Amino acid sequence: DARQSAAEEVDYKDFFENGGIALHVVDG
């Protein structure tokens, strides 16, 4: 599970950083 979670995190970061659509995260 830890390895799967790490892989998913890597995929998410790759999507976040290299996606073609502009994306940002704002706090409350």
PDB file of all heavy atoms in Angstrom:
ATOM      1  N   ASP A   1       0.828  -1.223   0.000  1.00  0.00           N
ATOM      2  CA  ASP A   1       0.000   0.000   0.000  1.00  0.00           C
ATOM      3  C   ASP A   1       0.849   1.254   0.000  1.00  0.00           C
ATOM      4  O   ASP A   1       0.522   2.247  -0.653  1.00  0.00           O
ATOM      5  CB  ASP A   1      -0.933   0.005   1.224  1.00  0.00           C
ATOM      6  CG  ASP A   1      -2.017  -1.063   1.112  1.00  0.00           C
ATOM      7  OD1 ASP A   1      -2.248  -1.559  -0.035  1.00  0.00           O
ATOM      8  OD2 ASP A   1      -2.658  -1.348   2.134  1.00  0.00           O
ATOM      9  N   ALA A   2       1.973   1.163   0.765  1.00  0.00           N
ATOM     10  CA  ALA A   2       2.845   2.343   0.838  1.00  0.00           C
ATOM     11  C   ALA A   2       3.454   2.627  -0.519  1.00  0.00           C
ATOM     12  O   ALA A   2       3.575   3.770  -0.961  1.00  0.00           O
ATOM     13  CB  ALA A   2       3.921   2.125   1.896  1.00  0.00           C
ATOM     14  N   ARG A   3       3.869   1.496  -1.172  1.00  0.00           N
ATOM     15  CA  ARG A   3       4.469   1.686  -2.492  1.00  0.00           C
ATOM     16  C   ARG A   3       3.436   2.237  -3.496  1.00  0.00           C
ATOM     17  O   ARG A   3       3.743   3.093  -4.321  1.00  0.00           O
ATOM     18  CB  ARG A   3       5.011   0.346  -2.984  1.00  0.00           C
ATOM     19  CG  ARG A   3       6.272  -0.088  -2.235  1.00  0.00           C
ATOM     20  CD  ARG A   3       6.698  -1.470  -2.697  1.00  0.00           C
ATOM     21  NE  ARG A   3       7.912  -1.867  -2.031  1.00  0.00           N
ATOM     22  CZ  ARG A   3       8.493  -3.070  -2.143  1.00  0.00           C
ATOM     23  NH1 ARG A   3       7.890  -4.011  -2.909  1.00  0.00           N
ATOM     24  NH2 ARG A   3       9.632  -3.361  -1.516  1.00  0.00           N
ATOM     25  N   GLN A   4       2.208   1.736  -3.437  1.00  0.00           N
ATOM     26  CA  GLN A   4       1.148   2.214  -4.344  1.00  0.00           C
ATOM     27  C   GLN A   4       0.841   3.680  -4.088  1.00  0.00           C
ATOM     28  O   GLN A   4       0.655   4.450  -5.012  1.00  0.00           O
ATOM     29  CB  GLN A   4      -0.121   1.366  -4.153  1.00  0.00           C
ATOM     30  CG  GLN A   4      -1.239   1.734  -5.133  1.00  0.00           C
ATOM     31  CD  GLN A   4      -2.452   0.831  -4.973  1.00  0.00           C
ATOM     32  OE1 GLN A   4      -2.425  -0.133  -4.183  1.00  0.00           O
ATOM     33  NE2 GLN A   4      -3.491   1.129  -5.713  1.00  0.00           N
ATOM     34  N   SER A   5       0.796   4.060  -2.818  1.00  0.00           N
ATOM     35  CA  SER A   5       0.506   5.462  -2.462  1.00  0.00           C
ATOM     36  C   SER A   5       1.606   6.365  -2.953  1.00  0.00           C
ATOM     37  O   SER A   5       1.359   7.466  -3.466  1.00  0.00           O
ATOM     38  CB  SER A   5       0.347   5.583  -0.948  1.00  0.00           C
ATOM     39  OG  SER A   5       0.166   6.925  -0.577  1.00  0.00           O
ATOM     40  N   ALA A   6       2.869   5.868  -2.837  1.00  0.00           N
ATOM     41  CA  ALA A   6       3.993   6.686  -3.314  1.00  0.00           C
ATOM     42  C   ALA A   6       3.918   6.859  -4.821  1.00  0.00           C
ATOM     43  O   ALA A   6       4.198   7.922  -5.374  1.00  0.00           O
ATOM     44  CB  ALA A   6       5.310   6.031  -2.902  1.00  0.00           C
ATOM     45  N   ALA A   7       3.528   5.770  -5.527  1.00  0.00           N
ATOM     46  CA  ALA A   7       3.426   5.849  -6.986  1.00  0.00           C
ATOM     47  C   ALA A   7       2.325   6.810  -7.405  1.00  0.00           C
ATOM     48  O   ALA A   7       2.478   7.599  -8.349  1.00  0.00           O
ATOM     49  CB  ALA A   7       3.157   4.458  -7.555  1.00  0.00           C
ATOM     50  N   GLU A   8       1.225   6.740  -6.684  1.00  0.00           N
ATOM     51  CA  GLU A   8       0.114   7.641  -7.009  1.00  0.00           C
ATOM     52  C   GLU A   8       0.506   9.089  -6.773  1.00  0.00           C
ATOM     53  O   GLU A   8       0.138   9.994  -7.537  1.00  0.00           O
ATOM     54  CB  GLU A   8      -1.114   7.291  -6.169  1.00  0.00           C
ATOM     55  CG  GLU A   8      -1.761   5.979  -6.590  1.00  0.00           C
ATOM     56  CD  GLU A   8      -2.923   5.616  -5.688  1.00  0.00           C
ATOM     57  OE1 GLU A   8      -3.108   6.313  -4.668  1.00  0.00           O
ATOM     58  OE2 GLU A   8      -3.653   4.667  -6.010  1.00  0.00           O
ATOM     59  N   GLU A   9       1.300   9.318  -5.698  1.00  0.00           N
ATOM     60  CA  GLU A   9       1.731  10.683  -5.395  1.00  0.00           C
ATOM     61  C   GLU A   9       2.629  11.196  -6.501  1.00  0.00           C
ATOM     62  O   GLU A   9       2.551  12.359  -6.907  1.00  0.00           O
ATOM     63  CB  GLU A   9       2.451  10.719  -4.050  1.00  0.00           C
ATOM     64  CG  GLU A   9       2.863  12.115  -3.641  1.00  0.00           C
ATOM     65  CD  GLU A   9       3.495  12.134  -2.246  1.00  0.00           C
ATOM     66  OE1 GLU A   9       3.479  11.077  -1.598  1.00  0.00           O
ATOM     67  OE2 GLU A   9       3.967  13.206  -1.857  1.00  0.00           O
ATOM     68  N   VAL A  10       3.493  10.273  -6.983  1.00  0.00           N
ATOM     69  CA  VAL A  10       4.385  10.674  -8.095  1.00  0.00           C
ATOM     70  C   VAL A  10       3.561  11.024  -9.321  1.00  0.00           C
ATOM     71  O   VAL A  10       3.811  12.013 -10.003  1.00  0.00           O
ATOM     72  CB  VAL A  10       5.389   9.541  -8.392  1.00  0.00           C
ATOM     73  CG1 VAL A  10       6.151   9.843  -9.673  1.00  0.00           C
ATOM     74  CG2 VAL A  10       6.355   9.369  -7.248  1.00  0.00           C
ATOM     75  N   ASP A  11       2.543  10.197  -9.635  1.00  0.00           N
ATOM     76  CA  ASP A  11       1.673  10.468 -10.792  1.00  0.00           C
ATOM     77  C   ASP A  11       0.941  11.798 -10.627  1.00  0.00           C
ATOM     78  O   ASP A  11       0.807  12.561 -11.591  1.00  0.00           O
ATOM     79  CB  ASP A  11       0.662   9.344 -10.955  1.00  0.00           C
ATOM     80  CG  ASP A  11       1.341   8.052 -11.423  1.00  0.00           C
ATOM     81  OD1 ASP A  11       2.474   8.146 -11.943  1.00  0.00           O
ATOM     82  OD2 ASP A  11       0.704   6.993 -11.300  1.00  0.00           O
ATOM     83  N   TYR A  12       0.457  12.066  -9.411  1.00  0.00           N
ATOM     84  CA  TYR A  12      -0.271  13.306  -9.154  1.00  0.00           C
ATOM     85  C   TYR A  12       0.629  14.509  -9.360  1.00  0.00           C
ATOM     86  O   TYR A  12       0.254  15.495  -9.995  1.00  0.00           O
ATOM     87  CB  TYR A  12      -0.847  13.291  -7.736  1.00  0.00           C
ATOM     88  CG  TYR A  12      -1.436  14.615  -7.314  1.00  0.00           C
ATOM     89  CD1 TYR A  12      -2.692  15.021  -7.802  1.00  0.00           C
ATOM     90  CD2 TYR A  12      -0.734  15.453  -6.459  1.00  0.00           C
ATOM     91  CE1 TYR A  12      -3.214  16.224  -7.411  1.00  0.00           C
ATOM     92  CE2 TYR A  12      -1.261  16.670  -6.081  1.00  0.00           C
ATOM     93  CZ  TYR A  12      -2.517  17.065  -6.549  1.00  0.00           C
ATOM     94  OH  TYR A  12      -3.046  18.271  -6.181  1.00  0.00           O
ATOM     95  N   LYS A  13       1.866  14.397  -8.805  1.00  0.00           N
ATOM     96  CA  LYS A  13       2.793  15.532  -8.956  1.00  0.00           C
ATOM     97  C   LYS A  13       3.145  15.764 -10.425  1.00  0.00           C
ATOM     98  O   LYS A  13       3.245  16.896 -10.889  1.00  0.00           O
ATOM     99  CB  LYS A  13       4.056  15.264  -8.147  1.00  0.00           C
ATOM    100  CG  LYS A  13       3.866  15.402  -6.640  1.00  0.00           C
ATOM    101  CD  LYS A  13       5.175  15.189  -5.917  1.00  0.00           C
ATOM    102  CE  LYS A  13       4.999  15.381  -4.397  1.00  0.00           C
ATOM    103  NZ  LYS A  13       6.268  15.178  -3.664  1.00  0.00           N
ATOM    104  N   ASP A  14       3.304  14.612 -11.167  1.00  0.00           N
ATOM    105  CA  ASP A  14       3.622  14.753 -12.586  1.00  0.00           C
ATOM    106  C   ASP A  14       2.463  15.429 -13.337  1.00  0.00           C
ATOM    107  O   ASP A  14       2.668  16.306 -14.175  1.00  0.00           O
ATOM    108  CB  ASP A  14       3.909  13.371 -13.171  1.00  0.00           C
ATOM    109  CG  ASP A  14       4.256  13.445 -14.637  1.00  0.00           C
ATOM    110  OD1 ASP A  14       5.328  13.998 -14.988  1.00  0.00           O
ATOM    111  OD2 ASP A  14       3.417  12.999 -15.476  1.00  0.00           O
ATOM    112  N   PHE A  15       1.256  14.983 -13.002  1.00  0.00           N
ATOM    113  CA  PHE A  15       0.075  15.599 -13.621  1.00  0.00           C
ATOM    114  C   PHE A  15      -0.026  17.070 -13.270  1.00  0.00           C
ATOM    115  O   PHE A  15      -0.304  17.912 -14.113  1.00  0.00           O
ATOM    116  CB  PHE A  15      -1.182  14.842 -13.169  1.00  0.00           C
ATOM    117  CG  PHE A  15      -2.470  15.539 -13.559  1.00  0.00           C
ATOM    118  CD1 PHE A  15      -2.952  15.497 -14.858  1.00  0.00           C
ATOM    119  CD2 PHE A  15      -3.189  16.261 -12.599  1.00  0.00           C
ATOM    120  CE1 PHE A  15      -4.121  16.149 -15.187  1.00  0.00           C
ATOM    121  CE2 PHE A  15      -4.358  16.906 -12.931  1.00  0.00           C
ATOM    122  CZ  PHE A  15      -4.838  16.852 -14.236  1.00  0.00           C
ATOM    123  N   PHE A  16       0.209  17.379 -12.002  1.00  0.00           N
ATOM    124  CA  PHE A  16       0.098  18.752 -11.515  1.00  0.00           C
ATOM    125  C   PHE A  16       1.134  19.645 -12.186  1.00  0.00           C
ATOM    126  O   PHE A  16       0.826  20.748 -12.632  1.00  0.00           O
ATOM    127  CB  PHE A  16       0.272  18.763  -9.989  1.00  0.00           C
ATOM    128  CG  PHE A  16       0.113  20.137  -9.386  1.00  0.00           C
ATOM    129  CD1 PHE A  16      -1.147  20.615  -9.022  1.00  0.00           C
ATOM    130  CD2 PHE A  16       1.224  20.955  -9.182  1.00  0.00           C
ATOM    131  CE1 PHE A  16      -1.278  21.861  -8.461  1.00  0.00           C
ATOM    132  CE2 PHE A  16       1.079  22.208  -8.623  1.00  0.00           C
ATOM    133  CZ  PHE A  16      -0.171  22.672  -8.257  1.00  0.00           C
ATOM    134  N   GLU A  17       2.368  19.132 -12.267  1.00  0.00           N
ATOM    135  CA  GLU A  17       3.451  19.969 -12.762  1.00  0.00           C
ATOM    136  C   GLU A  17       3.461  20.068 -14.287  1.00  0.00           C
ATOM    137  O   GLU A  17       3.779  21.118 -14.837  1.00  0.00           O
ATOM    138  CB  GLU A  17       4.805  19.422 -12.280  1.00  0.00           C
ATOM    139  CG  GLU A  17       5.006  19.525 -10.779  1.00  0.00           C
ATOM    140  CD  GLU A  17       5.046  20.962 -10.311  1.00  0.00           C
ATOM    141  OE1 GLU A  17       5.397  21.858 -11.132  1.00  0.00           O
ATOM    142  OE2 GLU A  17       4.692  21.214  -9.150  1.00  0.00           O
ATOM    143  N   ASN A  18       3.158  18.994 -14.944  1.00  0.00           N
ATOM    144  CA  ASN A  18       3.354  18.955 -16.401  1.00  0.00           C
ATOM    145  C   ASN A  18       2.053  18.933 -17.206  1.00  0.00           C
ATOM    146  O   ASN A  18       2.090  18.776 -18.427  1.00  0.00           O
ATOM    147  CB  ASN A  18       4.189  17.725 -16.769  1.00  0.00           C
ATOM    148  CG  ASN A  18       5.556  17.750 -16.081  1.00  0.00           C
ATOM    149  OD1 ASN A  18       6.250  18.776 -16.127  1.00  0.00           O
ATOM    150  ND2 ASN A  18       5.924  16.646 -15.442  1.00  0.00           N
ATOM    151  N   GLY A  19       0.908  19.059 -16.557  1.00  0.00           N
ATOM    152  CA  GLY A  19      -0.373  19.076 -17.269  1.00  0.00           C
ATOM    153  C   GLY A  19      -0.490  20.307 -18.182  1.00  0.00           C
ATOM    154  O   GLY A  19       0.090  21.365 -17.915  1.00  0.00           O
ATOM    155  N   GLY A  20      -1.236  20.174 -19.236  1.00  0.00           N
ATOM    156  CA  GLY A  20      -1.405  21.280 -20.188  1.00  0.00           C
ATOM    157  C   GLY A  20      -2.375  22.340 -19.708  1.00  0.00           C
ATOM    158  O   GLY A  20      -2.448  23.427 -20.298  1.00  0.00           O
ATOM    159  N   ILE A  21      -3.131  22.070 -18.675  1.00  0.00           N
ATOM    160  CA  ILE A  21      -4.109  23.029 -18.160  1.00  0.00           C
ATOM    161  C   ILE A  21      -3.523  23.730 -16.952  1.00  0.00           C
ATOM    162  O   ILE A  21      -2.944  23.092 -16.055  1.00  0.00           O
ATOM    163  CB  ILE A  21      -5.414  22.326 -17.769  1.00  0.00           C
ATOM    164  CG1 ILE A  21      -6.035  21.642 -19.002  1.00  0.00           C
ATOM    165  CG2 ILE A  21      -6.405  23.301 -17.171  1.00  0.00           C
ATOM    166  CD1 ILE A  21      -7.289  20.865 -18.703  1.00  0.00           C
ATOM    167  N   ALA A  22      -3.646  25.052 -16.911  1.00  0.00           N
ATOM    168  CA  ALA A  22      -3.135  25.819 -15.774  1.00  0.00           C
ATOM    169  C   ALA A  22      -3.889  25.438 -14.512  1.00  0.00           C
ATOM    170  O   ALA A  22      -5.120  25.351 -14.509  1.00  0.00           O
ATOM    171  CB  ALA A  22      -3.281  27.309 -16.056  1.00  0.00           C
ATOM    172  N   LEU A  23      -3.114  25.220 -13.405  1.00  0.00           N
ATOM    173  CA  LEU A  23      -3.714  24.742 -12.171  1.00  0.00           C
ATOM    174  C   LEU A  23      -2.992  25.382 -10.998  1.00  0.00           C
ATOM    175  O   LEU A  23      -1.768  25.511 -10.998  1.00  0.00           O
ATOM    176  CB  LEU A  23      -3.603  23.214 -12.106  1.00  0.00           C
ATOM    177  CG  LEU A  23      -4.066  22.534 -10.823  1.00  0.00           C
ATOM    178  CD1 LEU A  23      -5.566  22.707 -10.625  1.00  0.00           C
ATOM    179  CD2 LEU A  23      -3.718  21.039 -10.876  1.00  0.00           C
ATOM    180  N   HIS A  24      -3.787  25.841 -10.034  1.00  0.00           N
ATOM    181  CA  HIS A  24      -3.179  26.315  -8.791  1.00  0.00           C
ATOM    182  C   HIS A  24      -4.041  25.902  -7.605  1.00  0.00           C
ATOM    183  O   HIS A  24      -5.247  25.632  -7.778  1.00  0.00           O
ATOM    184  CB  HIS A  24      -2.980  27.841  -8.818  1.00  0.00           C
ATOM    185  CG  HIS A  24      -4.266  28.628  -8.879  1.00  0.00           C
ATOM    186  ND1 HIS A  24      -4.796  29.094 -10.057  1.00  0.00           N
ATOM    187  CD2 HIS A  24      -5.114  29.030  -7.881  1.00  0.00           C
ATOM    188  CE1 HIS A  24      -5.919  29.762  -9.782  1.00  0.00           C
ATOM    189  NE2 HIS A  24      -6.118  29.729  -8.445  1.00  0.00           N
ATOM    190  N   VAL A  25      -3.370  25.883  -6.403  1.00  0.00           N
ATOM    191  CA  VAL A  25      -4.040  25.505  -5.151  1.00  0.00           C
ATOM    192  C   VAL A  25      -3.937  26.690  -4.210  1.00  0.00           C
ATOM    193  O   VAL A  25      -2.867  27.300  -4.071  1.00  0.00           O
ATOM    194  CB  VAL A  25      -3.407  24.250  -4.508  1.00  0.00           C
ATOM    195  CG1 VAL A  25      -4.080  23.923  -3.171  1.00  0.00           C
ATOM    196  CG2 VAL A  25      -3.500  23.061  -5.452  1.00  0.00           C
ATOM    197  N   VAL A  26      -5.060  27.044  -3.599  1.00  0.00           N
ATOM    198  CA  VAL A  26      -5.136  28.181  -2.685  1.00  0.00           C
ATOM    199  C   VAL A  26      -5.625  27.687  -1.335  1.00  0.00           C
ATOM    200  O   VAL A  26      -6.525  26.828  -1.272  1.00  0.00           O
ATOM    201  CB  VAL A  26      -6.076  29.266  -3.242  1.00  0.00           C
ATOM    202  CG1 VAL A  26      -6.201  30.432  -2.265  1.00  0.00           C
ATOM    203  CG2 VAL A  26      -5.604  29.756  -4.602  1.00  0.00           C
ATOM    204  N   ASP A  27      -5.038  28.235  -0.241  1.00  0.00           N
ATOM    205  CA  ASP A  27      -5.520  27.828   1.092  1.00  0.00           C
ATOM    206  C   ASP A  27      -6.799  28.565   1.439  1.00  0.00           C
ATOM    207  O   ASP A  27      -7.312  29.361   0.631  1.00  0.00           O
ATOM    208  CB  ASP A  27      -4.427  28.035   2.141  1.00  0.00           C
ATOM    209  CG  ASP A  27      -4.089  29.507   2.355  1.00  0.00           C
ATOM    210  OD1 ASP A  27      -4.874  30.388   1.874  1.00  0.00           O
ATOM    211  OD2 ASP A  27      -3.067  29.793   2.975  1.00  0.00           O
ATOM    212  N   GLY A  28      -7.273  28.306   2.649  1.00  0.00           N
ATOM    213  CA  GLY A  28      -8.539  28.901   3.068  1.00  0.00           C
ATOM    214  C   GLY A  28      -8.494  30.402   3.184  1.00  0.00           C
ATOM    215  O   GLY A  28      -9.539  31.065   3.179  1.00  0.00           O
TER     216      GLY A  28
END
